[in-house]
Amino acid sequence: MNILLLGGNSQRNQQWVHSVGDFVKSDYGKVVVHDYLHWGGQGEFVNFELELPRITDEAKDLGEFIAFAKSVGSVTTLMSIANGSIRPKACVFAGLPIKLANEEDIDLPGLLASCGVPITFLQNKNDPLASSEHLQNYLAAMKLEDYTVVEQPGVDHSYDDLDLIRSLLLKLRSDLPR
């Protein structure tokens, strides 16, 4: 099993997502970390039109893989799944940005409904982009199936517990059909 990792929008997520990749690399055959173009100075926000084809290219040789993404990386992953360009076996999303999706007019319910793979959500109790309670209510209202919400303490949009991330990835992988 391989893994594709996508960080959040902010430049500081580049080092963080590479740290996650380094932390879990012994658990996977291939580890691919996506670096957004805007992290190199091409804008201030993820340009989905530019990033989706790049993600497709990065994932094409992964074979069976799990996707791990934070914040806008979760949205980018869901868009790639919805357009059929990637097909992970499962996803772990940290800090699903419901508020951001609403502000940017992104059809997050539609993207989640079309995902079709098991998802584990790691959400801070008081994440400003969606509290864990808001996320649980949001998903329940959608009647989404095959997901788990893991709440962790926190009042921000940071997800720095690499041991927890690793354990969630390993649990999700072990629960996949063989």
N, C-alpha and C. Protein backbone atom coordinates (compact mmCIF):
# COMPACT_ATOMS: atom_id res chain seq x y z
N MET A 1 0.86 -1.18 0.00
CA MET A 1 0.00 0.00 0.00
C MET A 1 0.90 1.24 0.00
N ASN A 2 0.46 2.26 -0.75
CA ASN A 2 1.19 3.51 -0.87
C ASN A 2 0.35 4.63 -0.29
N ILE A 3 0.93 5.85 -0.25
CA ILE A 3 0.21 6.98 0.32
C ILE A 3 0.51 8.25 -0.45
N LEU A 4 -0.55 9.05 -0.64
CA LEU A 4 -0.47 10.37 -1.24
C LEU A 4 -0.85 11.37 -0.16
N LEU A 5 0.00 12.39 0.04
CA LEU A 5 -0.24 13.37 1.09
C LEU A 5 -0.37 14.77 0.51
N LEU A 6 -1.39 15.50 0.98
CA LEU A 6 -1.62 16.88 0.56
C LEU A 6 -1.81 17.75 1.80
N GLY A 7 -1.11 18.86 1.85
CA GLY A 7 -1.21 19.77 2.98
C GLY A 7 -2.34 20.77 2.81
N GLY A 8 -2.39 21.69 3.74
CA GLY A 8 -3.35 22.78 3.67
C GLY A 8 -2.80 23.91 2.81
N ASN A 9 -3.53 24.97 2.71
CA ASN A 9 -3.20 26.07 1.82
C ASN A 9 -1.95 26.85 2.23
N SER A 10 -1.81 27.14 3.49
CA SER A 10 -0.74 28.01 3.97
C SER A 10 0.65 27.44 3.68
N GLN A 11 1.58 28.31 3.39
CA GLN A 11 2.98 27.92 3.12
C GLN A 11 3.56 27.08 4.27
N ARG A 12 3.16 27.37 5.50
CA ARG A 12 3.72 26.62 6.64
C ARG A 12 3.32 25.13 6.59
N ASN A 13 2.28 24.82 5.82
CA ASN A 13 1.87 23.42 5.67
C ASN A 13 2.84 22.60 4.84
N GLN A 14 3.68 23.25 4.06
CA GLN A 14 4.63 22.51 3.22
C GLN A 14 5.59 21.69 4.10
N GLN A 15 6.20 22.34 5.05
CA GLN A 15 7.11 21.62 5.95
C GLN A 15 6.34 20.58 6.77
N TRP A 16 5.15 20.94 7.23
CA TRP A 16 4.34 20.04 8.04
C TRP A 16 3.99 18.76 7.27
N VAL A 17 3.50 18.89 6.03
CA VAL A 17 3.07 17.70 5.29
C VAL A 17 4.28 16.83 4.93
N HIS A 18 5.43 17.44 4.70
CA HIS A 18 6.64 16.65 4.46
C HIS A 18 7.06 15.93 5.75
N SER A 19 6.85 16.57 6.89
CA SER A 19 7.13 15.91 8.17
C SER A 19 6.23 14.70 8.39
N VAL A 20 4.96 14.85 8.02
CA VAL A 20 4.03 13.71 8.11
C VAL A 20 4.52 12.59 7.20
N GLY A 21 4.89 12.93 5.98
CA GLY A 21 5.40 11.93 5.03
C GLY A 21 6.61 11.20 5.57
N ASP A 22 7.54 11.95 6.13
CA ASP A 22 8.75 11.34 6.71
C ASP A 22 8.39 10.44 7.89
N PHE A 23 7.40 10.86 8.68
CA PHE A 23 7.01 10.11 9.88
C PHE A 23 6.37 8.77 9.54
N VAL A 24 5.64 8.71 8.42
CA VAL A 24 4.91 7.47 8.08
C VAL A 24 5.58 6.66 6.97
N LYS A 25 6.72 7.12 6.46
CA LYS A 25 7.30 6.48 5.27
C LYS A 25 7.65 5.01 5.46
N SER A 26 7.95 4.60 6.66
CA SER A 26 8.29 3.19 6.88
C SER A 26 7.06 2.28 6.80
N ASP A 27 5.87 2.87 6.80
CA ASP A 27 4.63 2.09 6.76
C ASP A 27 4.11 1.86 5.34
N TYR A 28 4.73 2.49 4.35
CA TYR A 28 4.21 2.47 2.98
C TYR A 28 5.33 2.18 1.98
N GLY A 29 4.93 1.56 0.85
CA GLY A 29 5.90 1.30 -0.21
C GLY A 29 6.39 2.58 -0.85
N LYS A 30 5.44 3.42 -1.27
CA LYS A 30 5.76 4.72 -1.87
C LYS A 30 5.04 5.81 -1.10
N VAL A 31 5.73 6.91 -0.91
CA VAL A 31 5.15 8.08 -0.26
C VAL A 31 5.29 9.25 -1.24
N VAL A 32 4.17 9.84 -1.62
CA VAL A 32 4.18 10.99 -2.52
C VAL A 32 3.57 12.17 -1.77
N VAL A 33 4.34 13.25 -1.65
CA VAL A 33 3.87 14.47 -1.02
C VAL A 33 3.67 15.51 -2.12
N HIS A 34 2.47 16.04 -2.19
CA HIS A 34 2.16 17.06 -3.21
C HIS A 34 2.57 18.44 -2.70
N ASP A 35 3.33 19.16 -3.51
CA ASP A 35 3.70 20.55 -3.22
C ASP A 35 2.89 21.46 -4.15
N TYR A 36 2.10 22.35 -3.56
CA TYR A 36 1.30 23.27 -4.36
C TYR A 36 2.18 24.31 -5.04
N LEU A 37 1.78 24.72 -6.23
CA LEU A 37 2.52 25.73 -6.97
C LEU A 37 2.58 27.06 -6.22
N HIS A 38 1.51 27.42 -5.54
CA HIS A 38 1.50 28.73 -4.86
C HIS A 38 2.48 28.77 -3.69
N TRP A 39 2.92 27.62 -3.20
CA TRP A 39 3.94 27.61 -2.17
C TRP A 39 5.27 28.13 -2.73
N GLY A 40 5.43 28.04 -4.03
CA GLY A 40 6.63 28.54 -4.69
C GLY A 40 6.47 29.95 -5.23
N GLY A 41 5.41 30.62 -4.84
CA GLY A 41 5.23 32.01 -5.22
C GLY A 41 4.20 32.25 -6.30
N GLN A 42 3.47 31.23 -6.72
CA GLN A 42 2.47 31.40 -7.76
C GLN A 42 1.08 31.60 -7.15
N GLY A 43 0.88 32.73 -6.50
CA GLY A 43 -0.41 33.05 -5.90
C GLY A 43 -0.42 32.82 -4.40
N GLU A 44 -1.59 33.09 -3.83
CA GLU A 44 -1.75 32.95 -2.38
C GLU A 44 -2.71 31.83 -1.99
N PHE A 45 -3.44 31.30 -2.97
CA PHE A 45 -4.42 30.26 -2.67
C PHE A 45 -4.28 29.15 -3.71
N VAL A 46 -4.62 27.95 -3.31
CA VAL A 46 -4.57 26.81 -4.21
C VAL A 46 -5.37 27.12 -5.47
N ASN A 47 -4.75 26.89 -6.62
CA ASN A 47 -5.43 27.03 -7.90
C ASN A 47 -5.82 25.61 -8.33
N PHE A 48 -7.08 25.26 -8.10
CA PHE A 48 -7.54 23.90 -8.37
C PHE A 48 -7.31 23.50 -9.82
N GLU A 49 -7.52 24.43 -10.73
CA GLU A 49 -7.35 24.14 -12.16
C GLU A 49 -5.92 23.69 -12.48
N LEU A 50 -4.95 24.28 -11.80
CA LEU A 50 -3.55 23.90 -12.02
C LEU A 50 -3.16 22.65 -11.23
N GLU A 51 -3.71 22.52 -10.03
CA GLU A 51 -3.26 21.44 -9.14
C GLU A 51 -3.85 20.07 -9.47
N LEU A 52 -5.11 20.02 -9.90
CA LEU A 52 -5.74 18.72 -10.13
C LEU A 52 -4.98 17.87 -11.16
N PRO A 53 -4.56 18.40 -12.30
CA PRO A 53 -3.80 17.57 -13.23
C PRO A 53 -2.44 17.12 -12.66
N ARG A 54 -1.83 17.96 -11.86
CA ARG A 54 -0.55 17.60 -11.23
C ARG A 54 -0.73 16.44 -10.25
N ILE A 55 -1.84 16.47 -9.49
CA ILE A 55 -2.13 15.39 -8.55
C ILE A 55 -2.39 14.09 -9.31
N THR A 56 -3.11 14.19 -10.40
CA THR A 56 -3.36 13.01 -11.24
C THR A 56 -2.04 12.39 -11.68
N ASP A 57 -1.11 13.22 -12.14
CA ASP A 57 0.20 12.72 -12.58
C ASP A 57 0.97 12.07 -11.43
N GLU A 58 0.92 12.69 -10.27
CA GLU A 58 1.65 12.15 -9.11
C GLU A 58 1.07 10.82 -8.64
N ALA A 59 -0.24 10.64 -8.79
CA ALA A 59 -0.90 9.44 -8.28
C ALA A 59 -0.93 8.29 -9.28
N LYS A 60 -0.65 8.56 -10.55
CA LYS A 60 -0.87 7.55 -11.59
C LYS A 60 -0.05 6.28 -11.40
N ASP A 61 1.11 6.35 -10.79
CA ASP A 61 1.95 5.18 -10.61
C ASP A 61 1.93 4.64 -9.18
N LEU A 62 0.99 5.11 -8.39
CA LEU A 62 0.94 4.68 -6.98
C LEU A 62 0.29 3.31 -6.79
N GLY A 63 -0.48 2.84 -7.74
CA GLY A 63 -1.21 1.58 -7.52
C GLY A 63 -2.23 1.80 -6.42
N GLU A 64 -2.32 0.86 -5.50
CA GLU A 64 -3.25 1.01 -4.37
C GLU A 64 -2.65 1.99 -3.37
N PHE A 65 -3.47 2.99 -2.99
CA PHE A 65 -2.97 3.98 -2.06
C PHE A 65 -4.07 4.55 -1.18
N ILE A 66 -3.63 5.14 -0.09
CA ILE A 66 -4.48 5.90 0.82
C ILE A 66 -4.12 7.37 0.62
N ALA A 67 -5.12 8.24 0.68
CA ALA A 67 -4.88 9.68 0.61
C ALA A 67 -4.99 10.26 2.01
N PHE A 68 -4.00 11.07 2.37
CA PHE A 68 -4.05 11.83 3.62
C PHE A 68 -3.97 13.30 3.24
N ALA A 69 -4.88 14.10 3.76
CA ALA A 69 -4.88 15.51 3.41
C ALA A 69 -5.37 16.35 4.58
N LYS A 70 -4.87 17.59 4.60
CA LYS A 70 -5.30 18.56 5.61
C LYS A 70 -6.03 19.70 4.93
N SER A 71 -7.13 20.12 5.51
CA SER A 71 -7.84 21.32 5.14
C SER A 71 -8.15 21.38 3.64
N VAL A 72 -7.64 22.39 2.94
CA VAL A 72 -7.94 22.52 1.52
C VAL A 72 -7.40 21.34 0.72
N GLY A 73 -6.41 20.64 1.26
CA GLY A 73 -5.93 19.42 0.62
C GLY A 73 -7.02 18.36 0.58
N SER A 74 -7.89 18.35 1.59
CA SER A 74 -9.03 17.43 1.60
C SER A 74 -9.98 17.76 0.46
N VAL A 75 -10.23 19.04 0.26
CA VAL A 75 -11.11 19.48 -0.83
C VAL A 75 -10.48 19.12 -2.17
N THR A 76 -9.19 19.36 -2.31
CA THR A 76 -8.48 19.04 -3.55
C THR A 76 -8.54 17.54 -3.83
N THR A 77 -8.36 16.74 -2.80
CA THR A 77 -8.44 15.28 -2.94
C THR A 77 -9.84 14.87 -3.38
N LEU A 78 -10.86 15.43 -2.73
CA LEU A 78 -12.25 15.10 -3.08
C LEU A 78 -12.57 15.51 -4.52
N MET A 79 -12.06 16.65 -4.95
CA MET A 79 -12.26 17.07 -6.35
C MET A 79 -11.61 16.08 -7.31
N SER A 80 -10.42 15.62 -6.98
CA SER A 80 -9.71 14.65 -7.84
C SER A 80 -10.44 13.32 -7.89
N ILE A 81 -11.03 12.91 -6.78
CA ILE A 81 -11.82 11.68 -6.76
C ILE A 81 -13.09 11.87 -7.59
N ALA A 82 -13.76 13.01 -7.40
CA ALA A 82 -15.02 13.27 -8.09
C ALA A 82 -14.84 13.32 -9.61
N ASN A 83 -13.70 13.84 -10.07
CA ASN A 83 -13.50 13.91 -11.52
C ASN A 83 -12.90 12.63 -12.09
N GLY A 84 -12.70 11.64 -11.22
CA GLY A 84 -12.23 10.33 -11.66
C GLY A 84 -10.74 10.22 -11.92
N SER A 85 -9.99 11.23 -11.55
CA SER A 85 -8.56 11.21 -11.86
C SER A 85 -7.72 10.45 -10.84
N ILE A 86 -8.23 10.28 -9.62
CA ILE A 86 -7.55 9.43 -8.64
C ILE A 86 -8.59 8.54 -7.98
N ARG A 87 -8.12 7.41 -7.46
CA ARG A 87 -9.03 6.49 -6.78
C ARG A 87 -8.32 5.85 -5.60
N PRO A 88 -8.21 6.59 -4.49
CA PRO A 88 -7.60 5.98 -3.31
C PRO A 88 -8.51 4.90 -2.74
N LYS A 89 -7.92 4.02 -1.96
CA LYS A 89 -8.70 2.98 -1.28
C LYS A 89 -9.44 3.55 -0.07
N ALA A 90 -8.90 4.62 0.50
CA ALA A 90 -9.49 5.26 1.67
C ALA A 90 -8.83 6.63 1.85
N CYS A 91 -9.43 7.46 2.70
CA CYS A 91 -8.89 8.80 2.96
C CYS A 91 -8.89 9.10 4.45
N VAL A 92 -7.88 9.86 4.86
CA VAL A 92 -7.87 10.47 6.19
C VAL A 92 -7.75 11.97 5.96
N PHE A 93 -8.73 12.70 6.48
CA PHE A 93 -8.76 14.15 6.31
C PHE A 93 -8.65 14.82 7.68
N ALA A 94 -7.69 15.70 7.82
CA ALA A 94 -7.49 16.46 9.06
C ALA A 94 -7.98 17.89 8.84
N GLY A 95 -8.89 18.33 9.68
CA GLY A 95 -9.37 19.70 9.62
C GLY A 95 -10.18 20.01 8.38
N LEU A 96 -11.27 19.26 8.16
CA LEU A 96 -12.11 19.53 7.00
C LEU A 96 -12.63 20.97 7.08
N PRO A 97 -12.35 21.79 6.06
CA PRO A 97 -12.65 23.23 6.14
C PRO A 97 -14.05 23.59 5.62
N ILE A 98 -15.06 23.26 6.38
CA ILE A 98 -16.44 23.52 5.96
C ILE A 98 -16.66 25.02 5.73
N LYS A 99 -16.16 25.84 6.63
CA LYS A 99 -16.33 27.29 6.50
C LYS A 99 -15.68 27.79 5.21
N LEU A 100 -14.49 27.36 4.93
CA LEU A 100 -13.79 27.76 3.70
C LEU A 100 -14.56 27.31 2.46
N ALA A 101 -15.04 26.07 2.46
CA ALA A 101 -15.80 25.55 1.32
C ALA A 101 -17.04 26.41 1.07
N ASN A 102 -17.72 26.80 2.14
CA ASN A 102 -18.90 27.65 2.00
C ASN A 102 -18.52 29.02 1.43
N GLU A 103 -17.44 29.60 1.95
CA GLU A 103 -16.99 30.93 1.49
C GLU A 103 -16.57 30.91 0.03
N GLU A 104 -15.98 29.80 -0.41
CA GLU A 104 -15.47 29.69 -1.78
C GLU A 104 -16.50 29.06 -2.73
N ASP A 105 -17.71 28.83 -2.22
CA ASP A 105 -18.80 28.24 -3.02
C ASP A 105 -18.41 26.88 -3.61
N ILE A 106 -17.78 26.06 -2.79
CA ILE A 106 -17.39 24.70 -3.18
C ILE A 106 -18.48 23.75 -2.71
N ASP A 107 -18.92 22.88 -3.57
CA ASP A 107 -19.99 21.92 -3.25
C ASP A 107 -19.40 20.76 -2.44
N LEU A 108 -19.06 21.03 -1.20
CA LEU A 108 -18.47 20.02 -0.34
C LEU A 108 -19.42 18.83 -0.12
N PRO A 109 -20.72 19.04 0.11
CA PRO A 109 -21.60 17.87 0.26
C PRO A 109 -21.60 16.98 -0.98
N GLY A 110 -21.61 17.59 -2.16
CA GLY A 110 -21.57 16.81 -3.39
C GLY A 110 -20.27 16.04 -3.54
N LEU A 111 -19.16 16.68 -3.19
CA LEU A 111 -17.87 16.02 -3.28
C LEU A 111 -17.79 14.84 -2.29
N LEU A 112 -18.26 15.05 -1.08
CA LEU A 112 -18.24 13.98 -0.08
C LEU A 112 -19.15 12.83 -0.50
N ALA A 113 -20.32 13.16 -1.02
CA ALA A 113 -21.28 12.12 -1.43
C ALA A 113 -20.74 11.27 -2.57
N SER A 114 -19.91 11.85 -3.42
CA SER A 114 -19.39 11.11 -4.57
C SER A 114 -18.08 10.39 -4.28
N CYS A 115 -17.57 10.53 -3.08
CA CYS A 115 -16.25 9.97 -2.75
C CYS A 115 -16.21 8.45 -2.87
N GLY A 116 -17.12 7.77 -2.20
CA GLY A 116 -17.25 6.32 -2.34
C GLY A 116 -16.18 5.47 -1.69
N VAL A 117 -15.36 6.05 -0.82
CA VAL A 117 -14.37 5.26 -0.09
C VAL A 117 -14.46 5.61 1.39
N PRO A 118 -13.98 4.72 2.26
CA PRO A 118 -14.00 5.03 3.69
C PRO A 118 -13.17 6.29 3.99
N ILE A 119 -13.70 7.12 4.88
CA ILE A 119 -13.01 8.35 5.27
C ILE A 119 -12.94 8.41 6.79
N THR A 120 -11.77 8.73 7.30
CA THR A 120 -11.60 9.07 8.70
C THR A 120 -11.32 10.56 8.76
N PHE A 121 -12.12 11.28 9.54
CA PHE A 121 -11.94 12.71 9.74
C PHE A 121 -11.30 12.93 11.10
N LEU A 122 -10.21 13.65 11.14
CA LEU A 122 -9.59 14.09 12.38
C LEU A 122 -9.92 15.57 12.51
N GLN A 123 -10.66 15.94 13.55
CA GLN A 123 -11.12 17.32 13.66
C GLN A 123 -10.91 17.83 15.08
N ASN A 124 -10.32 19.01 15.19
CA ASN A 124 -10.17 19.63 16.51
C ASN A 124 -11.53 20.01 17.06
N LYS A 125 -11.66 19.87 18.37
CA LYS A 125 -12.93 20.16 19.03
C LYS A 125 -13.45 21.55 18.66
N ASN A 126 -12.57 22.54 18.63
CA ASN A 126 -12.99 23.91 18.33
C ASN A 126 -12.22 24.50 17.14
N ASP A 127 -12.03 23.70 16.11
CA ASP A 127 -11.38 24.19 14.89
C ASP A 127 -12.21 25.34 14.33
N PRO A 128 -11.59 26.49 14.03
CA PRO A 128 -12.37 27.64 13.56
C PRO A 128 -13.00 27.44 12.17
N LEU A 129 -12.54 26.45 11.39
CA LEU A 129 -13.13 26.21 10.07
C LEU A 129 -14.24 25.17 10.13
N ALA A 130 -14.36 24.48 11.25
CA ALA A 130 -15.46 23.56 11.54
C ALA A 130 -15.11 22.82 12.83
N SER A 131 -15.90 23.04 13.85
CA SER A 131 -15.68 22.29 15.09
C SER A 131 -16.00 20.82 14.84
N SER A 132 -15.52 19.97 15.70
CA SER A 132 -15.81 18.54 15.53
C SER A 132 -17.32 18.28 15.63
N GLU A 133 -18.01 19.01 16.50
CA GLU A 133 -19.47 18.84 16.62
C GLU A 133 -20.16 19.30 15.33
N HIS A 134 -19.73 20.43 14.79
CA HIS A 134 -20.31 20.91 13.54
C HIS A 134 -20.08 19.88 12.43
N LEU A 135 -18.89 19.33 12.35
CA LEU A 135 -18.59 18.32 11.33
C LEU A 135 -19.49 17.10 11.50
N GLN A 136 -19.64 16.62 12.73
CA GLN A 136 -20.48 15.44 12.97
C GLN A 136 -21.92 15.71 12.55
N ASN A 137 -22.44 16.88 12.88
CA ASN A 137 -23.82 17.24 12.49
C ASN A 137 -23.94 17.39 10.98
N TYR A 138 -22.94 17.98 10.37
CA TYR A 138 -22.90 18.18 8.92
C TYR A 138 -22.95 16.85 8.18
N LEU A 139 -22.12 15.91 8.61
CA LEU A 139 -22.07 14.59 7.97
C LEU A 139 -23.35 13.81 8.22
N ALA A 140 -23.89 13.90 9.43
CA ALA A 140 -25.14 13.20 9.75
C ALA A 140 -26.29 13.73 8.90
N ALA A 141 -26.34 15.04 8.70
CA ALA A 141 -27.41 15.64 7.88
C ALA A 141 -27.30 15.19 6.43
N MET A 142 -26.08 14.91 5.98
CA MET A 142 -25.87 14.44 4.61
C MET A 142 -26.20 12.97 4.45
N LYS A 143 -26.30 12.28 5.58
CA LYS A 143 -26.50 10.83 5.58
C LYS A 143 -25.35 10.11 4.88
N LEU A 144 -24.16 10.68 5.04
CA LEU A 144 -22.95 10.07 4.49
C LEU A 144 -22.69 8.77 5.22
N GLU A 145 -22.21 7.77 4.48
CA GLU A 145 -21.91 6.47 5.07
C GLU A 145 -20.41 6.21 5.02
N ASP A 146 -19.97 5.26 5.81
CA ASP A 146 -18.59 4.77 5.80
C ASP A 146 -17.58 5.84 6.18
N TYR A 147 -17.84 6.48 7.31
CA TYR A 147 -16.90 7.48 7.80
C TYR A 147 -16.79 7.37 9.33
N THR A 148 -15.71 7.92 9.83
CA THR A 148 -15.46 8.00 11.26
C THR A 148 -14.97 9.41 11.56
N VAL A 149 -15.44 9.99 12.64
CA VAL A 149 -14.93 11.28 13.09
C VAL A 149 -14.16 11.05 14.38
N VAL A 150 -12.92 11.48 14.38
CA VAL A 150 -12.07 11.42 15.57
C VAL A 150 -11.85 12.85 16.04
N GLU A 151 -12.32 13.13 17.24
CA GLU A 151 -12.17 14.47 17.81
C GLU A 151 -10.89 14.51 18.63
N GLN A 152 -10.17 15.62 18.47
CA GLN A 152 -9.03 15.84 19.36
C GLN A 152 -9.18 17.23 19.97
N PRO A 153 -8.59 17.45 21.14
CA PRO A 153 -8.67 18.79 21.72
C PRO A 153 -7.98 19.79 20.80
N GLY A 154 -8.44 20.99 20.81
CA GLY A 154 -7.79 22.02 20.01
C GLY A 154 -8.74 23.14 19.68
N VAL A 155 -8.19 24.35 19.66
CA VAL A 155 -8.99 25.54 19.36
C VAL A 155 -8.50 26.21 18.08
N ASP A 156 -7.63 25.52 17.35
CA ASP A 156 -7.08 26.10 16.14
C ASP A 156 -7.20 25.10 14.99
N HIS A 157 -6.48 25.35 13.91
CA HIS A 157 -6.56 24.53 12.71
C HIS A 157 -5.24 23.77 12.51
N SER A 158 -4.55 23.51 13.63
CA SER A 158 -3.28 22.78 13.59
C SER A 158 -3.51 21.32 13.96
N TYR A 159 -2.77 20.46 13.26
CA TYR A 159 -2.89 19.01 13.49
C TYR A 159 -1.47 18.44 13.57
N ASP A 160 -0.88 18.58 14.75
CA ASP A 160 0.55 18.28 14.92
C ASP A 160 0.84 16.96 15.63
N ASP A 161 -0.19 16.22 16.01
CA ASP A 161 0.02 14.94 16.70
C ASP A 161 0.29 13.85 15.66
N LEU A 162 1.56 13.72 15.27
CA LEU A 162 1.93 12.78 14.22
C LEU A 162 1.69 11.34 14.63
N ASP A 163 1.82 11.04 15.91
CA ASP A 163 1.52 9.68 16.38
C ASP A 163 0.04 9.34 16.15
N LEU A 164 -0.84 10.29 16.42
CA LEU A 164 -2.27 10.07 16.20
C LEU A 164 -2.56 9.92 14.70
N ILE A 165 -1.98 10.77 13.90
CA ILE A 165 -2.18 10.68 12.45
C ILE A 165 -1.72 9.31 11.95
N ARG A 166 -0.56 8.90 12.38
CA ARG A 166 -0.04 7.59 11.95
C ARG A 166 -0.97 6.47 12.39
N SER A 167 -1.44 6.52 13.62
CA SER A 167 -2.31 5.44 14.11
C SER A 167 -3.64 5.42 13.35
N LEU A 168 -4.17 6.58 12.99
CA LEU A 168 -5.41 6.62 12.21
C LEU A 168 -5.20 6.04 10.82
N LEU A 169 -4.07 6.37 10.20
CA LEU A 169 -3.75 5.82 8.88
C LEU A 169 -3.61 4.30 8.94
N LEU A 170 -2.90 3.81 9.94
CA LEU A 170 -2.69 2.37 10.07
C LEU A 170 -4.00 1.64 10.36
N LYS A 171 -4.84 2.22 11.20
CA LYS A 171 -6.14 1.61 11.51
C LYS A 171 -7.01 1.55 10.27
N LEU A 172 -7.07 2.64 9.54
CA LEU A 172 -7.89 2.66 8.32
C LEU A 172 -7.38 1.64 7.32
N ARG A 173 -6.07 1.56 7.16
CA ARG A 173 -5.48 0.59 6.24
C ARG A 173 -5.79 -0.83 6.66
N SER A 174 -5.70 -1.11 7.95
CA SER A 174 -5.96 -2.48 8.42
C SER A 174 -7.43 -2.86 8.28
N ASP A 175 -8.33 -1.88 8.25
CA ASP A 175 -9.76 -2.15 8.10
C ASP A 175 -10.19 -2.35 6.66
N LEU A 176 -9.30 -2.08 5.70
CA LEU A 176 -9.65 -2.24 4.29
C LEU A 176 -9.77 -3.71 3.94
N PRO A 177 -10.70 -4.05 3.05
CA PRO A 177 -10.79 -5.44 2.59
C PRO A 177 -9.52 -5.85 1.88
N ARG A 178 -9.15 -7.07 2.06
CA ARG A 178 -7.91 -7.57 1.41
C ARG A 178 -8.21 -8.10 0.05
